C-alpha atoms as a PDB file:
ATOM      1  CA  MET A   1     -15.245   8.819 -13.641  1.00  0.00           C
ATOM      2  CA  PRO A   2     -16.498   5.253 -12.951  1.00  0.00           C
ATOM      3  CA  LEU A   3     -14.439   2.880 -10.387  1.00  0.00           C
ATOM      4  CA  ASN A   4     -14.212  -0.592 -10.872  1.00  0.00           C
ATOM      5  CA  MET A   5     -12.658  -3.492  -8.057  1.00  0.00           C
ATOM      6  CA  ILE A   6     -10.789  -6.077 -10.399  1.00  0.00           C
ATOM      7  CA  SER A   7      -9.579  -9.473  -9.577  1.00  0.00           C
ATOM      8  CA  ILE A   8      -6.562 -10.858 -11.759  1.00  0.00           C
ATOM      9  CA  ASP A   9      -4.802 -14.235 -11.628  1.00  0.00           C
ATOM     10  CA  LEU A  10      -1.271 -13.657 -10.775  1.00  0.00           C
ATOM     11  CA  ASP A  11       1.693 -16.150 -11.699  1.00  0.00           C
ATOM     12  CA  LEU A  12       4.297 -15.306  -9.122  1.00  0.00           C
ATOM     13  CA  GLY A  13       6.904 -17.496 -10.821  1.00  0.00           C
ATOM     14  CA  ALA A  14       6.458 -15.632 -14.268  1.00  0.00           C
ATOM     15  CA  LEU A  15       6.604 -12.286 -12.205  1.00  0.00           C
ATOM     16  CA  MET A  16       9.788 -13.184 -10.276  1.00  0.00           C
ATOM     17  CA  ILE A  17      11.823 -13.950 -13.737  1.00  0.00           C
ATOM     18  CA  TRP A  18      10.168 -10.992 -15.419  1.00  0.00           C
ATOM     19  CA  GLY A  19      11.811  -8.902 -12.696  1.00  0.00           C
ATOM     20  CA  HIS A  20      15.262 -10.685 -12.394  1.00  0.00           C
ATOM     21  CA  ARG A  21      15.816 -10.038 -16.051  1.00  0.00           C
ATOM     22  CA  ARG A  22      15.228  -6.339 -15.654  1.00  0.00           C
ATOM     23  CA  ARG A  23      17.171  -6.026 -12.529  1.00  0.00           C
ATOM     24  CA  LEU A  24      14.340  -4.814 -10.772  1.00  0.00           C
ATOM     25  CA  GLY A  25      15.082  -6.884  -7.488  1.00  0.00           C
ATOM     26  CA  GLY A  26      12.597  -9.375  -5.601  1.00  0.00           C
ATOM     27  CA  ASP A  27      10.130  -7.354  -3.701  1.00  0.00           C
ATOM     28  CA  THR A  28       6.763  -8.916  -4.812  1.00  0.00           C
ATOM     29  CA  ALA A  29       4.697  -5.606  -4.547  1.00  0.00           C
ATOM     30  CA  TYR A  30       7.419  -3.540  -6.557  1.00  0.00           C
ATOM     31  CA  LEU A  31       7.206  -6.013  -9.420  1.00  0.00           C
ATOM     32  CA  VAL A  32       3.669  -5.938  -9.352  1.00  0.00           C
ATOM     33  CA  HIS A  33       3.538  -2.310  -9.784  1.00  0.00           C
ATOM     34  CA  ALA A  34       6.111  -2.406 -12.365  1.00  0.00           C
ATOM     35  CA  ALA A  35       4.534  -5.082 -14.683  1.00  0.00           C
ATOM     36  CA  SER A  36       1.008  -3.846 -13.931  1.00  0.00           C
ATOM     37  CA  ARG A  37       2.330  -0.450 -15.447  1.00  0.00           C
ATOM     38  CA  GLN A  38       3.978  -2.088 -18.541  1.00  0.00           C
ATOM     39  CA  ALA A  39       1.056  -3.983 -19.031  1.00  0.00           C
ATOM     40  CA  PHE A  40      -1.881  -1.672 -18.343  1.00  0.00           C
ATOM     41  CA  GLY A  41      -0.470   1.936 -18.427  1.00  0.00           C
ATOM     42  CA  THR A  42      -1.806   4.285 -15.876  1.00  0.00           C
ATOM     43  CA  LEU A  43      -4.959   2.477 -15.713  1.00  0.00           C
ATOM     44  CA  GLY A  44      -3.278  -0.395 -13.932  1.00  0.00           C
ATOM     45  CA  PRO A  45      -4.697  -1.069 -10.647  1.00  0.00           C
ATOM     46  CA  GLN A  46      -4.152   1.262  -7.897  1.00  0.00           C
ATOM     47  CA  PRO A  47      -4.294   0.853  -5.074  1.00  0.00           C
ATOM     48  CA  PHE A  48      -3.993  -2.979  -5.080  1.00  0.00           C
ATOM     49  CA  LEU A  49      -3.839  -5.941  -2.625  1.00  0.00           C
ATOM     50  CA  ILE A  50      -1.465  -8.964  -3.349  1.00  0.00           C
ATOM     51  CA  GLN A  51      -3.208 -12.333  -2.065  1.00  0.00           C
ATOM     52  CA  PRO A  52      -0.173 -14.741  -2.762  1.00  0.00           C
ATOM     53  CA  GLU A  53      -2.520 -17.738  -1.262  1.00  0.00           C
ATOM     54  CA  ARG A  54      -4.829 -17.212  -3.983  1.00  0.00           C
ATOM     55  CA  SER A  55      -2.198 -16.078  -6.748  1.00  0.00           C
ATOM     56  CA  ARG A  56      -4.271 -13.012  -7.655  1.00  0.00           C
ATOM     57  CA  ILE A  57      -4.482  -9.319  -6.995  1.00  0.00           C
ATOM     58  CA  LEU A  58      -7.406  -7.137  -5.884  1.00  0.00           C
ATOM     59  CA  GLY A  59      -7.534  -3.438  -7.307  1.00  0.00           C
ATOM     60  CA  TYR A  60      -9.207  -0.576  -7.958  1.00  0.00           C
ATOM     61  CA  THR A  61      -8.955   0.944 -11.803  1.00  0.00           C
ATOM     62  CA  SER A  62     -11.121   3.386 -13.753  1.00  0.00           C
ATOM     63  CA  ALA A  63     -10.305   1.087 -16.865  1.00  0.00           C
ATOM     64  CA  SER A  64     -13.160  -1.355 -18.504  1.00  0.00           C
ATOM     65  CA  GLU A  65     -12.782  -5.066 -18.862  1.00  0.00           C
ATOM     66  CA  GLU A  66     -12.356  -4.412 -22.570  1.00  0.00           C
ATOM     67  CA  TYR A  67      -9.235  -2.103 -22.080  1.00  0.00           C
ATOM     68  CA  LEU A  68      -7.645  -4.497 -19.735  1.00  0.00           C
ATOM     69  CA  ARG A  69      -8.298  -7.670 -22.000  1.00  0.00           C
ATOM     70  CA  ASN A  70      -6.852  -5.564 -25.349  1.00  0.00           C
ATOM     71  CA  SER A  71      -3.972  -4.368 -23.313  1.00  0.00           C
ATOM     72  CA  HIS A  72      -3.176  -7.786 -21.853  1.00  0.00           C
ATOM     73  CA  ALA A  73      -3.310  -9.353 -25.583  1.00  0.00           C
ATOM     74  CA  ALA A  74      -1.100  -6.747 -26.777  1.00  0.00           C
ATOM     75  CA  THR A  75       1.664  -8.217 -24.592  1.00  0.00           C
ATOM     76  CA  ALA A  76       1.469 -11.466 -26.203  1.00  0.00           C
ATOM     77  CA  ASN A  77       3.834 -10.238 -29.305  1.00  0.00           C
ATOM     78  CA  SER A  78       5.579  -7.569 -27.404  1.00  0.00           C
ATOM     79  CA  ASP A  79       6.786  -9.286 -24.110  1.00  0.00           C
ATOM     80  CA  SER A  80       5.567 -12.952 -23.965  1.00  0.00           C
ATOM     81  CA  LEU A  81       7.041 -13.048 -20.425  1.00  0.00           C
ATOM     82  CA  LEU A  82       4.858 -10.055 -19.206  1.00  0.00           C
ATOM     83  CA  HIS A  83       1.860 -11.718 -20.928  1.00  0.00           C
ATOM     84  CA  ALA A  84       2.156 -14.988 -18.528  1.00  0.00           C
ATOM     85  CA  VAL A  85       2.292 -12.760 -15.506  1.00  0.00           C
ATOM     86  CA  PHE A  86      -1.288 -11.905 -15.553  1.00  0.00           C
ATOM     87  CA  THR A  87      -3.609 -14.531 -16.719  1.00  0.00           C
ATOM     88  CA  LEU A  88      -7.260 -13.397 -17.601  1.00  0.00           C
ATOM     89  CA  PRO A  89      -9.467 -16.624 -17.919  1.00  0.00           C
ATOM     90  CA  GLU A  90     -11.738 -14.393 -16.125  1.00  0.00           C
ATOM     91  CA  ILE A  91     -11.503 -10.982 -14.886  1.00  0.00           C
ATOM     92  CA  CYS A  92     -13.550 -10.513 -11.899  1.00  0.00           C
ATOM     93  CA  LEU A  93     -14.837  -6.909 -12.291  1.00  0.00           C
ATOM     94  CA  ARG A  94     -17.583  -4.962  -9.621  1.00  0.00           C
ATOM     95  CA  THR A  95     -18.443  -1.470 -10.544  1.00  0.00           C
ATOM     96  CA  MET A  96     -18.109   0.631  -7.400  1.00  0.00           C
ATOM     97  CA  PRO A  97     -20.979   3.229  -6.431  1.00  0.00           C
ATOM     98  CA  ASP A  98     -20.987   6.154  -8.345  1.00  0.00           C
ATOM     99  CA  GLN A  99     -22.008   8.151  -4.947  1.00  0.00           C
ATOM    100  CA  TRP A 100     -21.699   7.370  -1.454  1.00  0.00           C
ATOM    101  CA  CYS A 101     -24.196   8.044   0.998  1.00  0.00           C
ATOM    102  CA  SER A 102     -23.365  10.072   4.045  1.00  0.00           C
ATOM    103  CA  GLY A 103     -24.062   7.878   7.396  1.00  0.00           C
ATOM    104  CA  ARG A 104     -23.938   4.565   5.489  1.00  0.00           C
ATOM    105  CA  ARG A 105     -21.991   1.884   7.827  1.00  0.00           C
ATOM    106  CA  TYR A 106     -19.320  -0.508   6.028  1.00  0.00           C
ATOM    107  CA  HIS A 107     -17.224  -3.304   7.465  1.00  0.00           C
ATOM    108  CA  PHE A 108     -13.983  -2.714   6.272  1.00  0.00           C
ATOM    109  CA  SER A 109     -10.300  -4.238   5.920  1.00  0.00           C
ATOM    110  CA  VAL A 110      -7.209  -2.636   4.695  1.00  0.00           C
ATOM    111  CA  PHE A 111      -3.538  -3.451   4.676  1.00  0.00           C
ATOM    112  CA  CYS A 112      -1.266  -0.516   4.948  1.00  0.00           C
ATOM    113  CA  ARG A 113       2.009   1.156   6.500  1.00  0.00           C
ATOM    114  CA  PRO A 114       1.015   3.389   9.565  1.00  0.00           C
ATOM    115  CA  THR A 115       3.956   5.812   8.986  1.00  0.00           C
ATOM    116  CA  VAL A 116       4.714   9.649   9.403  1.00  0.00           C
ATOM    117  CA  ARG A 117       7.032  11.685   7.350  1.00  0.00           C
ATOM    118  CA  HIS A 118       8.996  14.071   9.428  1.00  0.00           C
ATOM    119  CA  THR A 119      12.219  16.155   9.402  1.00  0.00           C
ATOM    120  CA  TYR A 120      15.819  14.667  10.774  1.00  0.00           C
ATOM    121  CA  ASP A 121      18.769  16.849  11.713  1.00  0.00           C
ATOM    122  CA  LEU A 122      21.824  15.118  10.369  1.00  0.00           C
ATOM    123  CA  ASP A 123      24.523  15.313  12.821  1.00  0.00           C
ATOM    124  CA  GLY A 124      27.754  17.201  11.749  1.00  0.00           C
ATOM    125  CA  PRO A 125      28.796  20.885  11.083  1.00  0.00           C
ATOM    126  CA  ALA A 126      26.444  21.469   8.359  1.00  0.00           C
ATOM    127  CA  ALA A 127      23.607  20.882  10.291  1.00  0.00           C
ATOM    128  CA  GLU A 128      21.473  19.239   7.581  1.00  0.00           C
ATOM    129  CA  LYS A 129      17.712  18.557   7.328  1.00  0.00           C
ATOM    130  CA  VAL A 130      16.510  15.478   5.636  1.00  0.00           C
ATOM    131  CA  LYS A 131      12.833  14.298   5.132  1.00  0.00           C
ATOM    132  CA  VAL A 132      12.341  10.749   6.653  1.00  0.00           C
ATOM    133  CA  GLU A 133       9.560   8.210   6.941  1.00  0.00           C
ATOM    134  CA  SER A 134       9.046   6.246  10.186  1.00  0.00           C
ATOM    135  CA  ASP A 135       6.761   3.826  11.717  1.00  0.00           C
ATOM    136  CA  VAL A 136       4.519   6.228  13.580  1.00  0.00           C
ATOM    137  CA  TRP A 137       4.839   4.247  16.971  1.00  0.00           C
ATOM    138  CA  LEU A 138       8.578   4.137  16.921  1.00  0.00           C
ATOM    139  CA  ARG A 139       8.715   7.900  15.877  1.00  0.00           C
ATOM    140  CA  LYS A 140       6.623   8.865  19.281  1.00  0.00           C
ATOM    141  CA  THR A 141       8.528   6.385  21.244  1.00  0.00           C
ATOM    142  CA  TYR A 142      12.145   7.621  20.249  1.00  0.00           C
ATOM    143  CA  THR A 143      10.922  11.132  20.990  1.00  0.00           C
ATOM    144  CA  ASP A 144       9.801  10.207  24.809  1.00  0.00           C
ATOM    145  CA  TRP A 145      12.856   7.729  24.909  1.00  0.00           C
ATOM    146  CA  LYS A 146      15.216  10.739  24.082  1.00  0.00           C
ATOM    147  CA  ALA A 147      12.914  12.915  26.614  1.00  0.00           C
ATOM    148  CA  ALA A 148      13.140  10.590  29.540  1.00  0.00           C
ATOM    149  CA  GLY A 149      17.047  10.659  29.221  1.00  0.00           C
ATOM    150  CA  LYS A 150      17.702   7.396  27.381  1.00  0.00           C
ATOM    151  CA  PRO A 151      16.941   5.000  30.351  1.00  0.00           C
ATOM    152  CA  ASP A 152      17.216   2.009  28.573  1.00  0.00           C
ATOM    153  CA  THR A 153      18.075   0.544  25.031  1.00  0.00           C
ATOM    154  CA  LEU A 154      15.523   1.687  22.519  1.00  0.00           C
ATOM    155  CA  ARG A 155      14.472  -2.136  22.427  1.00  0.00           C
ATOM    156  CA  ALA A 156      13.920  -2.686  25.883  1.00  0.00           C
ATOM    157  CA  TYR A 157      11.978   0.502  25.876  1.00  0.00           C
ATOM    158  CA  ARG A 158       9.824  -0.672  23.040  1.00  0.00           C
ATOM    159  CA  GLN A 159       9.172  -4.228  24.972  1.00  0.00           C
ATOM    160  CA  LEU A 160       8.181  -1.941  27.968  1.00  0.00           C
ATOM    161  CA  HIS A 161       5.487   0.126  25.919  1.00  0.00           C
ATOM    162  CA  LYS A 162       4.373  -2.958  23.873  1.00  0.00           C
ATOM    163  CA  GLY A 163       0.700  -2.306  24.809  1.00  0.00           C
ATOM    164  CA  GLU A 164       0.524   1.097  23.315  1.00  0.00           C
ATOM    165  CA  ILE A 165       1.441   0.039  19.678  1.00  0.00           C
ATOM    166  CA  GLU A 166      -1.930  -0.887  18.534  1.00  0.00           C
ATOM    167  CA  GLU A 167      -3.502   2.212  19.964  1.00  0.00           C
ATOM    168  CA  THR A 168      -1.154   4.407  18.319  1.00  0.00           C
ATOM    169  CA  TYR A 169      -1.788   2.524  15.009  1.00  0.00           C
ATOM    170  CA  VAL A 170      -5.548   2.888  15.466  1.00  0.00           C
ATOM    171  CA  ARG A 171      -5.391   6.438  15.966  1.00  0.00           C
ATOM    172  CA  TRP A 172      -2.969   6.696  13.012  1.00  0.00           C
ATOM    173  CA  LEU A 173      -5.873   5.343  10.969  1.00  0.00           C
ATOM    174  CA  GLU A 174      -8.573   7.312  12.517  1.00  0.00           C
ATOM    175  CA  LYS A 175      -6.659  10.512  11.313  1.00  0.00           C
ATOM    176  CA  ARG A 176      -6.210   9.072   7.961  1.00  0.00           C
ATOM    177  CA  PHE A 177      -9.917   8.202   7.485  1.00  0.00           C
ATOM    178  CA  MET A 178     -10.799  12.058   8.360  1.00  0.00           C
ATOM    179  CA  PRO A 179     -12.801  13.994   7.002  1.00  0.00           C
ATOM    180  CA  ALA A 180     -13.941  10.920   4.919  1.00  0.00           C
ATOM    181  CA  ALA A 181     -15.449   8.576   7.318  1.00  0.00           C
ATOM    182  CA  GLU A 182     -15.580   8.077  11.130  1.00  0.00           C
ATOM    183  CA  LEU A 183     -14.022   5.344  12.608  1.00  0.00           C
ATOM    184  CA  GLU A 184     -16.551   3.344  14.658  1.00  0.00           C
ATOM    185  CA  TYR A 185     -13.789   0.829  15.877  1.00  0.00           C
ATOM    186  CA  ALA A 186     -10.729  -1.074  14.605  1.00  0.00           C
ATOM    187  CA  VAL A 187      -8.413  -3.782  15.697  1.00  0.00           C
ATOM    188  CA  VAL A 188      -4.872  -4.871  14.103  1.00  0.00           C
ATOM    189  CA  SER A 189      -5.780  -8.149  12.943  1.00  0.00           C
ATOM    190  CA  GLY A 190      -1.841  -8.574  11.969  1.00  0.00           C
ATOM    191  CA  SER A 191       1.300  -6.728  12.082  1.00  0.00           C
ATOM    192  CA  ARG A 192       4.964  -7.146  10.769  1.00  0.00           C
ATOM    193  CA  SER A 193       7.860  -5.089   9.887  1.00  0.00           C
ATOM    194  CA  THR A 194       9.444  -5.755   6.535  1.00  0.00           C
ATOM    195  CA  ALA A 195      12.439  -4.106   4.663  1.00  0.00           C
ATOM    196  CA  MET A 196      11.584  -2.558   1.461  1.00  0.00           C
ATOM    197  CA  THR A 197      13.926  -1.181  -1.133  1.00  0.00           C
ATOM    198  CA  ALA A 198      13.966   2.236  -2.398  1.00  0.00           C
ATOM    199  CA  ARG A 199      15.333   2.895  -5.836  1.00  0.00           C
ATOM    200  CA  SER A 200      16.588   5.972  -7.227  1.00  0.00           C
ATOM    201  CA  SER A 201      18.326   6.818 -10.179  1.00  0.00           C
ATOM    202  CA  LYS A 202      18.499   4.436 -13.370  1.00  0.00           C
ATOM    203  CA  ASP A 203      20.778   3.350 -16.044  1.00  0.00           C
ATOM    204  CA  HIS A 204      19.903   3.517 -19.939  1.00  0.00           C
ATOM    205  CA  ASP A 205      17.971   0.200 -19.627  1.00  0.00           C
ATOM    206  CA  GLY A 206      15.691   1.735 -17.082  1.00  0.00           C
ATOM    207  CA  ALA A 207      17.050  -0.583 -14.325  1.00  0.00           C
ATOM    208  CA  PRO A 208      17.724   1.268 -10.890  1.00  0.00           C
ATOM    209  CA  THR A 209      21.607   2.164 -10.412  1.00  0.00           C
ATOM    210  CA  ARG A 210      21.264   2.993  -6.505  1.00  0.00           C
ATOM    211  CA  SER A 211      19.237   1.450  -3.965  1.00  0.00           C
ATOM    212  CA  SER A 212      18.675   1.498   0.010  1.00  0.00           C
ATOM    213  CA  LYS A 213      16.587  -0.602   2.532  1.00  0.00           C
ATOM    214  CA  ARG A 214      14.445   0.501   5.004  1.00  0.00           C
ATOM    215  CA  SER A 215      12.066  -1.284   7.597  1.00  0.00           C
ATOM    216  CA  TRP A 216       8.668  -0.066   7.820  1.00  0.00           C
ATOM    217  CA  PRO A 217       5.563  -1.782   9.617  1.00  0.00           C
ATOM    218  CA  GLU A 218       2.938  -3.699   7.719  1.00  0.00           C
ATOM    219  CA  THR A 219      -0.502  -3.773   9.233  1.00  0.00           C
ATOM    220  CA  THR A 220      -3.724  -5.369   8.756  1.00  0.00           C
ATOM    221  CA  PHE A 221      -6.799  -3.279  10.301  1.00  0.00           C
ATOM    222  CA  THR A 222     -10.392  -4.415  10.242  1.00  0.00           C
ATOM    223  CA  GLY A 223     -13.234  -2.728  11.980  1.00  0.00           C
ATOM    224  CA  THR A 224     -16.285  -0.444  11.181  1.00  0.00           C
ATOM    225  CA  LEU A 225     -16.610   2.640   9.686  1.00  0.00           C
ATOM    226  CA  THR A 226     -19.323   5.320   8.849  1.00  0.00           C
ATOM    227  CA  VAL A 227     -19.139   7.696   5.628  1.00  0.00           C
ATOM    228  CA  ALA A 228     -18.903  11.118   6.842  1.00  0.00           C
ATOM    229  CA  ASP A 229     -18.230  12.919   3.527  1.00  0.00           C
ATOM    230  CA  PRO A 230     -19.160  11.186   0.079  1.00  0.00           C
ATOM    231  CA  ALA A 231     -16.835  13.059  -2.003  1.00  0.00           C
ATOM    232  CA  ALA A 232     -13.873  12.766   0.264  1.00  0.00           C
ATOM    233  CA  PHE A 233     -14.872   9.050   0.885  1.00  0.00           C
ATOM    234  CA  ASP A 234     -14.545   8.456  -3.148  1.00  0.00           C
ATOM    235  CA  ARG A 235     -11.030  10.048  -2.947  1.00  0.00           C
ATOM    236  CA  LEU A 236      -9.775   8.128   0.072  1.00  0.00           C
ATOM    237  CA  ILE A 237     -10.944   4.924  -1.897  1.00  0.00           C
ATOM    238  CA  ARG A 238      -9.273   5.955  -5.108  1.00  0.00           C
ATOM    239  CA  HIS A 239      -6.113   7.151  -3.481  1.00  0.00           C
ATOM    240  CA  GLY A 240      -5.767   4.658  -0.763  1.00  0.00           C
ATOM    241  CA  VAL A 241      -5.358   4.719   2.930  1.00  0.00           C
ATOM    242  CA  GLY A 242      -1.623   6.012   3.721  1.00  0.00           C
ATOM    243  CA  ARG A 243       1.488   6.183   1.664  1.00  0.00           C
ATOM    244  CA  HIS A 244       2.651   3.543  -0.895  1.00  0.00           C
ATOM    245  CA  ALA A 245      -0.836   3.048  -2.655  1.00  0.00           C
ATOM    246  CA  ALA A 246       1.367   2.122  -5.830  1.00  0.00           C
ATOM    247  CA  PHE A 247       3.053  -0.738  -4.246  1.00  0.00           C
ATOM    248  CA  GLY A 248       0.351  -2.775  -2.515  1.00  0.00           C
ATOM    249  CA  PHE A 249      -0.665  -0.869   0.586  1.00  0.00           C
ATOM    250  CA  GLY A 250      -4.016   0.999   1.172  1.00  0.00           C
ATOM    251  CA  MET A 251      -6.780  -0.725  -0.628  1.00  0.00           C
ATOM    252  CA  LEU A 252      -9.774  -0.242   1.260  1.00  0.00           C
ATOM    253  CA  LEU A 253     -12.049  -3.475   1.167  1.00  0.00           C
ATOM    254  CA  LEU A 254     -15.724  -2.702   2.033  1.00  0.00           C
ATOM    255  CA  ARG A 255     -18.801  -4.824   3.087  1.00  0.00           C
ATOM    256  CA  ALA A 256     -22.132  -3.354   4.031  1.00  0.00           C
ATOM    257  CA  ALA A 257     -22.813  -3.324   7.665  1.00  0.00           C
ATOM    258  CA  ASP A 258     -26.557  -2.565   7.664  1.00  0.00           C
END
């Protein structure tokens, strides 16, 4: 199945109004996900990257330009506000290689969440175990902090080991690339922690009835990689790096290094 990288103009104001009317909250990435699925169905771009400074989104999709234009045109009558969210004067579409070459080097950039899922033991007589997702560095640090007998507050412990954060994140990225690609080098070119709203059940109108906020790291990596397994590399690009590819994370941007 062919893979295309697309660029679509985005009206952030219309997006926020559209999401507010549907009680979907104010998380931009979640709203882009919801709006693109409503407009383009399952062929909406995923993974994708929001570029708010350029008022556009980049994304990977197997859809053709004709399909995207026809789907967008259909929203003009069914949902005029949704039609205004995505503006398509020109869809910049580039077809990705049908087959990747082993040993080919690329410069890359990827915005993702360096997190891990693990089991957490709840306190109490039931001794319940739940699965949670945590910052990969914070998870490692908390384990070491407990093993050291909790010598200081966790925040102070984080400051004392601040230099380890980037190295831990890069090692996380290296594992996510395997076996698709070998990481030549990578640096953290930007990182922050933000709260994301997790939604569960929905009411009869499709709006979420319960939600919770969790804080996760959001990190931009830049560097150089070498394709090791062409088939696995194709899957990596299509599925994204790490979790939350449906919500604006994990889109691997490439530029030939040779």
